[in-house]
Amino acid sequence: MTYARWGNPSYQYGNNTRFYGVGANDTILRWIIEIDWNGDGVFDGTNEARYAVGLTVKRGRSNYIRLDGDGKANGFDRMRIGRLSLTLKNRNGRYDPYNTSSPLYPYILPGRYIKVRLDYAGTIYPVFAGKIYNIRPISGTDPIVTIEAEDGGRILQNTDVSISVQQSVDLDDAIGQVLDDVNYPTLWGRSLEDSADTLNYWWADDRAITEIERLADADLGQFFVAADGAATFYNRHHTNTDLFSLTQAEILKEIEVPLPWEAVRNVVKVVAHPRVAVTSQTLWTLADTPPIGAGESLTVWASYTYSDKTVPAYNVVTPVATTDYLVNTAADGSGSNLTGSCTISTFTDFGTTAKIVLTNSSGSAGYVTLLKVRGDALTAPDASLQIAEDTASQAIYEKLLFTLDSDWLQDTELAGHFAEWLISFLATPQKFPTVQLEGRTVYQFQPDLFDTIGLAVSRLGINSSFRVAEIEHQWLVENGQAVRTTWRLEPYADLSDFWQFTTTIGVTSVFGI
């Protein structure tokens, strides 16, 4: 085999006859930065790393508990959209979208797939996968370009989903349906663990990320976008074994540990929303009598209500002539009846709304004197509130409230179990250390979000397993051979040992949560 030092442009990543570096066992950081410039969904092996002079990646969440503007703790903090900032040399105008001589012209556009990996000592670590959203050439004596990208969280944040009501849906399958509805890229893939819970009723009519986060909360699970771009769900029984253990000797001296009571919550409220079906209801009625010309169509959107409240519905019936809609040549219904020549050409149920297209195939103009939608309304008349308190913690820190409220937590008993477990975990001060590493490549790039590591720092009284909640990698030198990695760590609460029966004993039984 032929070897060459990193940076030689003739040695593309993916060429099996040529390798970077001086041999298979050296400790050079070989960065692999690939961009699908022509938008065909295929990375051709071209490695942009030879032009790179700066890189920063940040993914995960900064806080454990989500605080509202008034300081109230409402559920768990959300995963931030993962971001990449990449700086490359641009002396020959390679990344200038106006440069017709660039080998990349005319493909220098936002929306292109990008992935970053690191080859170290023969192991390839995924670092980031996403889409470019900004390209900023900066001219001068040494021209550069900054490329900014975001991971799949941006797609989920930007896209609304509308999925009709379903019954007996596994929670992880519901997450999968949301990903399907937004066409989450197959290039990135997904990894969804089976949930322990089945939803009696489920639908979706909000931002994709909002729907997924509600589902994850209802399981006490975690959803995140992995370093390789995969949409990932860990259920509450996900098991982790520490990837490795670190001491003060392996990390930088500066360790940030928030005050121990910042995450203490000694009053826990968990809200369940049992759903009740009310059959054969009029969900919506057109309030006026709009005209409809001969041979023309009228399109309206119906929003379902019951008892003056917006509700989802199922078993929704396509409007039936005469029963659900009437068309007449007179607005007051005193003229000729055109209903027999009018049809519902389109009816689509979206769970809480429906799209209706009524077509007038008669030879006369008319008025829609009646149009309604019928179906079974799903109501949540009385939410179930479960409260757990720790009076000993309250005596020290006063009362501090944590609320978990998800539409998809529909079982009162399960809500009670959640409250009991949360109070056992949140009422006691926990350590959330932030640590940094440099020159420890074998450690820095192993963990992904929610992997666990062991950490022992005797001077801070730390000796435990922690989940990696946030990851940041930053180049310290232009050739990427020195990197500072910052981890924000969370205490690892292992729910995997709760006693469960997964077989049927008369009925399916689950002990614990």
Protein backbone atom coordinates (compact mmCIF):
# COMPACT_ATOMS: atom_id res chain seq x y z
CA MET A 1 0.00 0.00 0.00
CA THR A 2 1.07 3.60 -0.64
CA TYR A 3 0.95 6.17 2.16
CA ALA A 4 0.98 9.95 2.04
CA ARG A 5 0.81 12.64 4.68
CA TRP A 6 -2.62 14.08 5.49
CA GLY A 7 -3.48 16.99 3.22
CA ASN A 8 -2.33 15.62 -0.13
CA PRO A 9 -5.31 16.37 -2.45
CA SER A 10 -4.60 13.34 -4.63
CA TYR A 11 -5.44 10.99 -1.77
CA GLN A 12 -9.23 11.02 -1.59
CA TYR A 13 -11.09 9.36 1.21
CA GLY A 14 -12.47 6.07 -0.12
CA ASN A 15 -9.43 5.15 -2.26
CA ASN A 16 -8.53 1.69 -0.97
CA THR A 17 -5.06 1.69 -2.56
CA ARG A 18 -3.82 4.85 -0.82
CA PHE A 19 -3.87 5.87 2.81
CA TYR A 20 -3.28 9.06 4.70
CA GLY A 21 -0.53 9.25 7.30
CA VAL A 22 2.59 7.18 7.74
CA GLY A 23 1.00 3.86 8.58
CA ALA A 24 -1.98 2.14 10.08
CA ASN A 25 -1.02 2.66 13.72
CA ASP A 26 0.00 6.34 13.82
CA THR A 27 -1.92 8.85 15.91
CA ILE A 28 -2.72 11.44 13.26
CA LEU A 29 -6.30 12.74 13.35
CA ARG A 30 -7.59 12.08 9.85
CA TRP A 31 -10.69 14.18 9.39
CA ILE A 32 -13.22 13.08 6.80
CA ILE A 33 -15.50 15.91 5.67
CA GLU A 34 -17.84 14.94 2.85
CA ILE A 35 -20.45 17.10 1.14
CA ASP A 36 -23.03 15.90 -1.38
CA TRP A 37 -22.49 18.95 -3.60
CA ASN A 38 -24.56 17.77 -6.56
CA GLY A 39 -27.51 16.79 -4.36
CA ASP A 40 -27.84 13.22 -5.60
CA GLY A 41 -27.88 11.74 -2.09
CA VAL A 42 -24.48 10.07 -2.57
CA PHE A 43 -21.12 10.99 -1.05
CA ASP A 44 -18.50 10.37 -3.74
CA GLY A 45 -15.49 10.14 -1.40
CA THR A 46 -14.16 13.66 -1.99
CA ASN A 47 -12.68 14.85 1.29
CA GLU A 48 -12.98 18.59 1.94
CA ALA A 49 -10.81 18.23 5.06
CA ARG A 50 -7.69 19.20 3.13
CA TYR A 51 -9.10 22.74 2.91
CA ALA A 52 -10.40 22.93 6.48
CA VAL A 53 -8.83 25.33 8.99
CA GLY A 54 -11.53 25.43 11.66
CA LEU A 55 -14.38 23.29 12.97
CA THR A 56 -16.85 23.45 15.83
CA VAL A 57 -19.69 21.01 16.52
CA LYS A 58 -22.24 21.34 19.31
CA ARG A 59 -25.09 18.91 20.03
CA GLY A 60 -27.36 17.99 22.93
CA ARG A 61 -29.05 19.92 25.72
CA SER A 62 -27.69 22.48 28.15
CA ASN A 63 -30.07 21.83 31.04
CA TYR A 64 -31.75 18.83 32.60
CA ILE A 65 -34.98 20.56 33.59
CA ARG A 66 -36.88 22.90 31.29
CA LEU A 67 -37.67 26.23 32.95
CA ASP A 68 -40.41 28.56 31.74
CA GLY A 69 -39.94 32.31 31.67
CA ASP A 70 -41.35 32.54 35.20
CA GLY A 71 -38.92 29.92 36.48
CA LYS A 72 -41.39 27.03 36.67
CA ALA A 73 -40.00 23.57 35.90
CA ASN A 74 -42.16 22.01 33.21
CA GLY A 75 -40.74 18.73 32.05
CA PHE A 76 -37.25 17.99 30.80
CA ASP A 77 -35.13 20.27 28.67
CA ARG A 78 -35.23 19.62 24.95
CA MET A 79 -32.46 18.59 22.62
CA ARG A 80 -31.09 21.62 20.80
CA ILE A 81 -30.62 21.47 17.05
CA GLY A 82 -27.11 20.15 16.45
CA ARG A 83 -24.89 22.68 14.70
CA LEU A 84 -21.64 22.58 12.75
CA SER A 85 -19.46 25.56 11.87
CA LEU A 86 -16.74 24.75 9.35
CA THR A 87 -14.08 27.14 8.03
CA LEU A 88 -12.19 26.29 4.84
CA LYS A 89 -9.48 27.95 2.77
CA ASN A 90 -10.89 29.51 -0.40
CA ARG A 91 -7.82 30.90 -2.16
CA ASN A 92 -8.76 29.41 -5.53
CA GLY A 93 -12.46 30.29 -5.22
CA ARG A 94 -13.48 26.65 -4.84
CA TYR A 95 -16.39 27.61 -2.55
CA ASP A 96 -17.39 30.84 -4.30
CA PRO A 97 -20.92 30.34 -5.73
CA TYR A 98 -20.18 33.01 -8.40
CA ASN A 99 -16.97 31.36 -9.59
CA THR A 100 -17.85 29.51 -12.79
CA SER A 101 -14.34 28.01 -12.83
CA SER A 102 -14.85 26.24 -9.52
CA PRO A 103 -15.09 22.44 -9.87
CA LEU A 104 -18.13 22.70 -7.59
CA TYR A 105 -19.99 25.23 -9.75
CA PRO A 106 -23.04 25.50 -9.88
CA TYR A 107 -23.63 23.24 -6.87
CA ILE A 108 -22.48 25.54 -4.06
CA LEU A 109 -25.90 25.78 -2.46
CA PRO A 110 -27.52 25.42 0.95
CA GLY A 111 -29.51 22.28 1.63
CA ARG A 112 -26.65 19.92 0.71
CA TYR A 113 -25.97 16.92 2.92
CA ILE A 114 -22.75 17.03 4.92
CA LYS A 115 -21.13 14.53 7.26
CA VAL A 116 -18.03 14.75 9.39
CA ARG A 117 -16.12 11.78 10.72
CA LEU A 118 -12.77 11.17 12.33
CA ASP A 119 -10.41 8.31 11.49
CA TYR A 120 -8.10 7.71 14.44
CA ALA A 121 -5.80 4.70 14.75
CA GLY A 122 -7.99 2.73 12.35
CA THR A 123 -11.33 3.50 14.04
CA ILE A 124 -13.80 5.86 12.38
CA TYR A 125 -15.94 7.97 14.72
CA PRO A 126 -19.03 9.82 13.46
CA VAL A 127 -18.95 13.46 14.55
CA PHE A 128 -21.81 15.19 12.73
CA ALA A 129 -24.36 14.64 9.96
CA GLY A 130 -26.77 17.25 8.68
CA LYS A 131 -27.58 19.78 5.99
CA ILE A 132 -25.83 23.00 5.05
CA TYR A 133 -27.94 26.09 5.70
CA ASN A 134 -25.44 28.90 5.12
CA ILE A 135 -22.29 29.45 3.04
CA ARG A 136 -20.39 32.69 3.68
CA PRO A 137 -17.28 33.44 1.60
CA ILE A 138 -15.00 36.03 3.23
CA SER A 139 -12.60 37.78 0.86
CA GLY A 140 -9.23 39.28 1.76
CA THR A 141 -5.55 38.48 1.51
CA ASP A 142 -6.30 34.93 2.65
CA PRO A 143 -9.87 34.14 1.48
CA ILE A 144 -11.88 31.68 3.52
CA VAL A 145 -15.44 30.38 3.57
CA THR A 146 -17.58 29.50 6.55
CA ILE A 147 -20.08 26.69 6.08
CA GLU A 148 -22.79 26.30 8.69
CA ALA A 149 -24.94 23.18 8.98
CA GLU A 150 -27.67 21.78 11.21
CA ASP A 151 -28.64 18.21 11.96
CA GLY A 152 -32.00 16.51 11.49
CA GLY A 153 -33.47 18.44 14.41
CA ARG A 154 -34.00 21.35 12.01
CA ILE A 155 -36.26 19.27 9.76
CA LEU A 156 -38.30 18.21 12.77
CA GLN A 157 -38.46 21.78 14.05
CA ASN A 158 -39.59 23.26 10.74
CA THR A 159 -42.20 20.70 9.67
CA ASP A 160 -45.79 20.32 10.83
CA VAL A 161 -47.38 16.90 10.87
CA SER A 162 -51.03 15.90 10.47
CA ILE A 163 -51.83 12.29 11.26
CA SER A 164 -55.38 11.03 11.81
CA VAL A 165 -56.50 9.37 15.04
CA GLN A 166 -55.35 5.80 15.59
CA GLN A 167 -56.08 3.29 18.32
CA SER A 168 -53.70 0.98 20.22
CA VAL A 169 -50.49 2.45 18.88
CA ASP A 170 -47.09 1.57 20.35
CA LEU A 171 -45.37 4.75 21.40
CA ASP A 172 -42.21 4.05 19.38
CA ASP A 173 -44.34 3.30 16.31
CA ALA A 174 -45.97 6.71 16.73
CA ILE A 175 -42.52 8.35 16.67
CA GLY A 176 -41.77 6.38 13.51
CA GLN A 177 -44.94 7.65 11.87
CA VAL A 178 -43.96 11.24 12.62
CA LEU A 179 -40.56 10.63 11.03
CA ASP A 180 -42.31 9.10 8.01
CA ASP A 181 -44.66 12.06 7.71
CA VAL A 182 -41.77 14.54 7.51
CA ASN A 183 -39.78 12.25 5.17
CA TYR A 184 -36.86 12.08 7.57
CA PRO A 185 -33.89 11.31 5.30
CA THR A 186 -33.16 7.61 4.85
CA LEU A 187 -29.53 8.65 4.37
CA TRP A 188 -29.42 9.29 8.13
CA GLY A 189 -31.73 6.48 9.20
CA ARG A 190 -33.36 5.90 12.58
CA SER A 191 -32.94 3.78 15.70
CA LEU A 192 -36.10 3.49 17.81
CA GLU A 193 -36.25 1.22 20.83
CA ASP A 194 -39.51 -0.57 21.60
CA SER A 195 -41.58 1.29 24.15
CA ALA A 196 -43.18 -0.45 27.10
CA ASP A 197 -46.42 1.46 26.52
CA THR A 198 -49.28 1.36 24.05
CA LEU A 199 -51.38 4.48 23.50
CA ASN A 200 -55.14 3.98 23.55
CA TYR A 201 -55.52 6.86 21.10
CA TRP A 202 -52.94 8.87 19.21
CA TRP A 203 -52.86 11.52 16.51
CA ALA A 204 -50.57 14.36 15.48
CA ASP A 205 -51.29 17.96 14.54
CA ASP A 206 -48.27 20.02 15.62
CA ARG A 207 -44.59 20.52 14.86
CA ALA A 208 -42.85 17.19 14.37
CA ILE A 209 -40.32 17.79 17.14
CA THR A 210 -43.08 18.84 19.55
CA GLU A 211 -45.04 15.67 18.86
CA ILE A 212 -41.95 13.48 19.31
CA GLU A 213 -40.93 15.20 22.53
CA ARG A 214 -44.41 14.67 23.98
CA LEU A 215 -44.19 11.01 23.10
CA ALA A 216 -40.74 10.67 24.66
CA ASP A 217 -41.96 12.40 27.85
CA ALA A 218 -44.88 9.97 28.07
CA ASP A 219 -42.35 7.14 28.26
CA LEU A 220 -39.74 8.93 30.41
CA GLY A 221 -37.48 8.22 27.45
CA GLN A 222 -35.07 10.29 25.39
CA PHE A 223 -35.18 11.33 21.76
CA PHE A 224 -32.16 12.82 20.00
CA VAL A 225 -30.35 13.00 16.68
CA ALA A 226 -27.20 10.88 16.82
CA ALA A 227 -23.77 11.91 15.52
CA ASP A 228 -24.37 9.92 12.32
CA GLY A 229 -27.72 11.67 11.79
CA ALA A 230 -29.95 8.80 12.95
CA ALA A 231 -33.20 9.81 14.66
CA THR A 232 -32.83 7.93 17.95
CA PHE A 233 -35.24 7.00 20.74
CA TYR A 234 -34.19 5.36 24.00
CA ASN A 235 -37.03 4.01 26.11
CA ARG A 236 -36.99 4.37 29.89
CA HIS A 237 -35.57 0.87 30.28
CA HIS A 238 -32.59 1.57 28.05
CA THR A 239 -29.49 -0.02 29.54
CA ASN A 240 -26.08 1.59 29.47
CA THR A 241 -22.69 0.25 30.46
CA ASP A 242 -19.97 2.82 31.02
CA LEU A 243 -17.85 3.14 27.89
CA PHE A 244 -14.86 3.94 30.09
CA SER A 245 -13.97 5.65 33.36
CA LEU A 246 -12.08 8.91 33.76
CA THR A 247 -10.30 10.57 36.64
CA GLN A 248 -8.93 14.06 37.10
CA ALA A 249 -5.76 12.88 35.36
CA GLU A 250 -7.53 12.50 31.99
CA ILE A 251 -9.52 15.75 31.98
CA LEU A 252 -8.65 19.43 32.23
CA LYS A 253 -8.54 20.95 35.69
CA GLU A 254 -11.41 23.36 35.13
CA ILE A 255 -14.57 21.41 36.05
CA GLU A 256 -17.84 23.31 36.27
CA VAL A 257 -20.35 21.89 38.75
CA PRO A 258 -23.61 23.86 39.20
CA LEU A 259 -24.88 24.45 42.71
CA PRO A 260 -26.36 21.18 43.99
CA TRP A 261 -29.86 22.53 44.58
CA GLU A 262 -30.34 23.96 41.07
CA ALA A 263 -31.98 20.73 39.88
CA VAL A 264 -33.71 19.83 43.16
CA ARG A 265 -37.47 19.44 42.87
CA ASN A 266 -39.35 18.12 45.89
CA VAL A 267 -42.94 18.49 44.67
CA VAL A 268 -43.66 16.43 41.56
CA LYS A 269 -46.90 16.67 39.62
CA VAL A 270 -47.55 14.27 36.78
CA VAL A 271 -50.65 14.88 34.65
CA ALA A 272 -52.43 12.08 32.79
CA HIS A 273 -55.06 12.68 30.13
CA PRO A 274 -57.41 9.69 29.86
CA ARG A 275 -59.41 9.93 26.65
CA VAL A 276 -63.13 9.29 26.39
CA ALA A 277 -64.85 8.53 23.08
CA VAL A 278 -68.21 10.17 22.42
CA THR A 279 -69.75 8.43 19.44
CA SER A 280 -71.77 9.75 16.49
CA GLN A 281 -71.31 13.46 17.02
CA THR A 282 -71.56 16.41 14.69
CA LEU A 283 -68.00 17.66 14.78
CA TRP A 284 -68.35 20.69 12.55
CA THR A 285 -71.03 22.61 10.66
CA LEU A 286 -70.56 25.26 7.99
CA ALA A 287 -71.79 28.53 9.50
CA ASP A 288 -72.76 30.38 6.31
CA THR A 289 -74.14 29.64 2.81
CA PRO A 290 -71.36 30.28 0.31
CA PRO A 291 -72.11 30.30 -3.44
CA ILE A 292 -70.85 27.54 -5.69
CA GLY A 293 -70.84 28.12 -9.44
CA ALA A 294 -71.93 25.62 -12.10
CA GLY A 295 -69.06 23.19 -12.71
CA GLU A 296 -67.03 24.72 -9.91
CA SER A 297 -65.76 23.43 -6.57
CA LEU A 298 -65.74 24.83 -3.05
CA THR A 299 -62.87 23.95 -0.71
CA VAL A 300 -63.25 24.36 3.03
CA TRP A 301 -61.37 23.14 6.11
CA ALA A 302 -63.33 21.84 9.04
CA SER A 303 -61.97 22.08 12.60
CA TYR A 304 -63.54 19.50 14.91
CA THR A 305 -65.18 20.63 18.15
CA TYR A 306 -67.22 19.07 20.91
CA SER A 307 -68.84 21.08 23.71
CA ASP A 308 -67.21 24.19 22.22
CA LYS A 309 -63.71 22.73 22.57
CA THR A 310 -61.35 21.65 19.82
CA VAL A 311 -61.10 17.86 19.81
CA PRO A 312 -59.61 15.06 17.74
CA ALA A 313 -62.00 12.54 16.26
CA TYR A 314 -61.99 9.13 14.62
CA ASN A 315 -64.45 7.07 12.58
CA VAL A 316 -64.99 10.32 10.71
CA VAL A 317 -67.61 9.96 7.97
CA THR A 318 -67.23 11.44 4.49
CA PRO A 319 -70.21 13.82 4.19
CA VAL A 320 -73.28 12.13 2.72
CA ALA A 321 -75.60 13.90 0.27
CA THR A 322 -78.81 15.24 1.84
CA THR A 323 -77.75 14.02 5.33
CA ASP A 324 -74.56 16.10 5.59
CA TYR A 325 -74.72 18.56 2.71
CA LEU A 326 -77.35 20.37 0.64
CA VAL A 327 -76.99 22.63 -2.38
CA ASN A 328 -79.86 24.87 -3.57
CA THR A 329 -80.30 27.57 -6.19
CA ALA A 330 -81.55 29.88 -3.41
CA ALA A 331 -79.50 30.76 -0.31
CA ASP A 332 -82.55 30.25 1.91
CA GLY A 333 -83.21 26.76 0.43
CA SER A 334 -86.44 27.81 -1.32
CA GLY A 335 -85.16 27.22 -4.88
CA SER A 336 -84.27 24.10 -6.85
CA ASN A 337 -82.41 21.33 -5.05
CA LEU A 338 -79.04 20.69 -6.76
CA THR A 339 -77.71 18.22 -4.18
CA GLY A 340 -78.11 15.19 -6.44
CA SER A 341 -75.69 16.72 -8.94
CA CYS A 342 -73.10 17.70 -6.33
CA THR A 343 -70.41 15.42 -4.88
CA ILE A 344 -67.70 15.42 -2.24
CA SER A 345 -64.76 15.05 -4.61
CA THR A 346 -62.14 15.17 -1.83
CA PHE A 347 -62.41 14.44 1.87
CA THR A 348 -59.25 14.04 3.97
CA ASP A 349 -59.29 13.53 7.73
CA PHE A 350 -56.27 14.95 9.58
CA GLY A 351 -57.24 14.01 13.14
CA THR A 352 -58.45 17.40 14.35
CA THR A 353 -59.33 18.89 10.98
CA ALA A 354 -60.58 17.77 7.59
CA LYS A 355 -60.23 19.09 4.07
CA ILE A 356 -63.50 19.06 2.10
CA VAL A 357 -63.89 19.74 -1.61
CA LEU A 358 -67.51 19.96 -2.80
CA THR A 359 -68.01 19.93 -6.57
CA ASN A 360 -71.13 21.27 -8.33
CA SER A 361 -71.61 19.19 -11.48
CA SER A 362 -75.02 20.64 -12.29
CA GLY A 363 -75.62 23.27 -14.94
CA SER A 364 -76.79 25.86 -12.42
CA ALA A 365 -75.08 28.04 -9.83
CA GLY A 366 -76.14 27.37 -6.28
CA TYR A 367 -75.52 27.88 -2.58
CA VAL A 368 -74.28 25.42 -0.01
CA THR A 369 -77.09 25.54 2.52
CA LEU A 370 -75.76 22.69 4.68
CA LEU A 371 -72.35 21.10 5.14
CA LYS A 372 -71.28 19.16 8.21
CA VAL A 373 -68.87 16.47 9.41
CA ARG A 374 -69.78 13.60 11.70
CA GLY A 375 -67.65 11.18 13.70
CA ASP A 376 -66.62 10.00 17.16
CA ALA A 377 -65.20 12.80 19.29
CA LEU A 378 -62.28 12.12 21.63
CA THR A 379 -62.48 14.19 24.75
CA ALA A 380 -60.33 14.55 27.85
CA PRO A 381 -62.93 15.93 30.25
CA ASP A 382 -60.94 15.42 33.44
CA ALA A 383 -57.18 15.24 33.65
CA SER A 384 -55.76 12.99 36.37
CA LEU A 385 -53.19 14.63 38.61
CA GLN A 386 -50.68 12.58 40.58
CA ILE A 387 -48.59 14.39 43.22
CA ALA A 388 -45.54 13.14 45.12
CA GLU A 389 -43.69 15.17 47.76
CA ASP A 390 -40.52 14.88 49.83
CA THR A 391 -41.03 16.81 53.05
CA ALA A 392 -37.45 16.31 54.23
CA SER A 393 -36.16 18.00 51.08
CA GLN A 394 -38.76 20.75 51.46
CA ALA A 395 -37.52 21.46 54.98
CA ILE A 396 -34.09 22.25 53.54
CA TYR A 397 -34.85 23.88 50.17
CA GLU A 398 -38.49 24.96 50.54
CA LYS A 399 -41.05 23.69 48.05
CA LEU A 400 -39.76 23.38 44.50
CA LEU A 401 -42.21 22.17 41.85
CA PHE A 402 -41.63 19.94 38.82
CA THR A 403 -44.52 19.23 36.43
CA LEU A 404 -44.65 16.56 33.75
CA ASP A 405 -47.63 16.99 31.44
CA SER A 406 -47.96 15.08 28.16
CA ASP A 407 -51.08 14.42 26.09
CA TRP A 408 -49.74 10.93 25.46
CA LEU A 409 -49.57 9.96 29.11
CA GLN A 410 -53.11 8.56 29.25
CA ASP A 411 -52.91 6.13 32.18
CA THR A 412 -53.51 7.43 35.72
CA GLU A 413 -51.74 4.49 37.40
CA LEU A 414 -48.66 4.93 35.24
CA ALA A 415 -48.64 8.65 36.03
CA GLY A 416 -48.56 7.74 39.71
CA HIS A 417 -45.55 5.46 39.18
CA PHE A 418 -43.79 8.22 37.28
CA ALA A 419 -44.41 10.67 40.13
CA GLU A 420 -43.02 8.22 42.68
CA TRP A 421 -39.87 7.59 40.70
CA LEU A 422 -39.29 11.26 39.85
CA ILE A 423 -39.54 12.37 43.47
CA SER A 424 -37.05 9.69 44.48
CA PHE A 425 -34.58 11.09 41.94
CA LEU A 426 -35.20 14.85 41.95
CA ALA A 427 -35.60 15.57 45.67
CA THR A 428 -31.92 14.87 46.38
CA PRO A 429 -29.14 17.20 45.17
CA GLN A 430 -27.37 15.88 42.08
CA LYS A 431 -24.11 16.83 40.43
CA PHE A 432 -24.14 17.93 36.77
CA PRO A 433 -20.45 18.40 35.95
CA THR A 434 -19.10 19.96 32.78
CA VAL A 435 -15.68 18.62 31.84
CA GLN A 436 -13.18 19.23 29.06
CA LEU A 437 -10.61 17.01 27.39
CA GLU A 438 -7.69 17.69 25.08
CA GLY A 439 -5.25 15.23 23.56
CA ARG A 440 -7.38 12.25 24.66
CA THR A 441 -8.76 11.24 21.28
CA VAL A 442 -9.50 7.66 22.32
CA TYR A 443 -11.95 9.09 24.87
CA GLN A 444 -13.12 12.30 23.20
CA PHE A 445 -14.96 10.80 20.24
CA GLN A 446 -16.32 7.55 21.65
CA PRO A 447 -19.49 8.73 23.43
CA ASP A 448 -22.60 9.89 21.69
CA LEU A 449 -25.48 11.63 23.43
CA PHE A 450 -26.91 9.65 26.35
CA ASP A 451 -24.03 7.20 26.43
CA THR A 452 -22.62 6.78 29.94
CA ILE A 453 -19.12 7.17 31.29
CA GLY A 454 -17.64 6.79 34.73
CA LEU A 455 -16.14 9.87 36.38
CA ALA A 456 -14.15 10.04 39.62
CA VAL A 457 -12.91 13.37 40.96
CA SER A 458 -12.24 12.96 44.66
CA ARG A 459 -11.79 16.65 45.45
CA LEU A 460 -15.35 17.30 44.24
CA GLY A 461 -16.85 14.18 45.78
CA ILE A 462 -17.65 12.75 42.35
CA ASN A 463 -17.49 9.00 41.77
CA SER A 464 -20.37 7.81 39.65
CA SER A 465 -21.75 7.08 36.19
CA PHE A 466 -22.97 9.99 34.10
CA ARG A 467 -24.86 10.39 30.84
CA VAL A 468 -23.40 12.64 28.18
CA ALA A 469 -26.09 15.30 27.66
CA GLU A 470 -24.18 17.77 25.52
CA ILE A 471 -21.12 17.41 23.30
CA GLU A 472 -18.94 20.14 21.80
CA HIS A 473 -15.81 19.61 19.70
CA GLN A 474 -13.63 22.56 18.74
CA TRP A 475 -10.43 22.60 16.69
CA LEU A 476 -7.60 24.37 18.51
CA VAL A 477 -5.22 24.45 15.54
CA GLU A 478 -5.83 24.91 11.82
CA ASN A 479 -4.91 21.35 10.83
CA GLY A 480 -7.37 19.77 13.27
CA GLN A 481 -4.66 17.88 15.12
CA ALA A 482 -5.63 19.38 18.49
CA VAL A 483 -9.25 19.35 19.61
CA ARG A 484 -10.95 20.45 22.80
CA THR A 485 -14.01 18.38 23.70
CA THR A 486 -16.56 19.63 26.22
CA TRP A 487 -19.15 17.35 27.78
CA ARG A 488 -22.07 18.40 29.91
CA LEU A 489 -22.86 15.38 32.07
CA GLU A 490 -26.06 14.31 33.82
CA PRO A 491 -26.45 11.79 36.63
CA TYR A 492 -27.44 8.43 35.22
CA ALA A 493 -30.75 7.16 36.55
CA ASP A 494 -30.95 3.50 35.55
CA LEU A 495 -34.53 2.25 35.18
CA SER A 496 -33.54 -0.96 33.42
CA ASP A 497 -33.69 -3.11 36.57
CA PHE A 498 -37.39 -2.60 37.27
CA TRP A 499 -39.06 -6.03 37.39
CA GLN A 500 -41.15 -6.61 34.26
CA PHE A 501 -43.21 -9.45 32.86
CA THR A 502 -43.33 -9.31 29.09
CA THR A 503 -45.39 -12.49 28.76
CA THR A 504 -49.11 -12.87 29.17
CA ILE A 505 -50.39 -14.05 32.55
CA GLY A 506 -54.11 -13.94 31.96
CA VAL A 507 -53.46 -10.38 30.81
CA THR A 508 -50.22 -8.68 29.89
CA SER A 509 -48.60 -7.50 33.13
CA VAL A 510 -45.85 -5.00 33.78
CA PHE A 511 -44.43 -4.51 37.26
CA GLY A 512 -42.72 -1.26 38.08
CA ILE A 513 -42.53 1.27 35.30
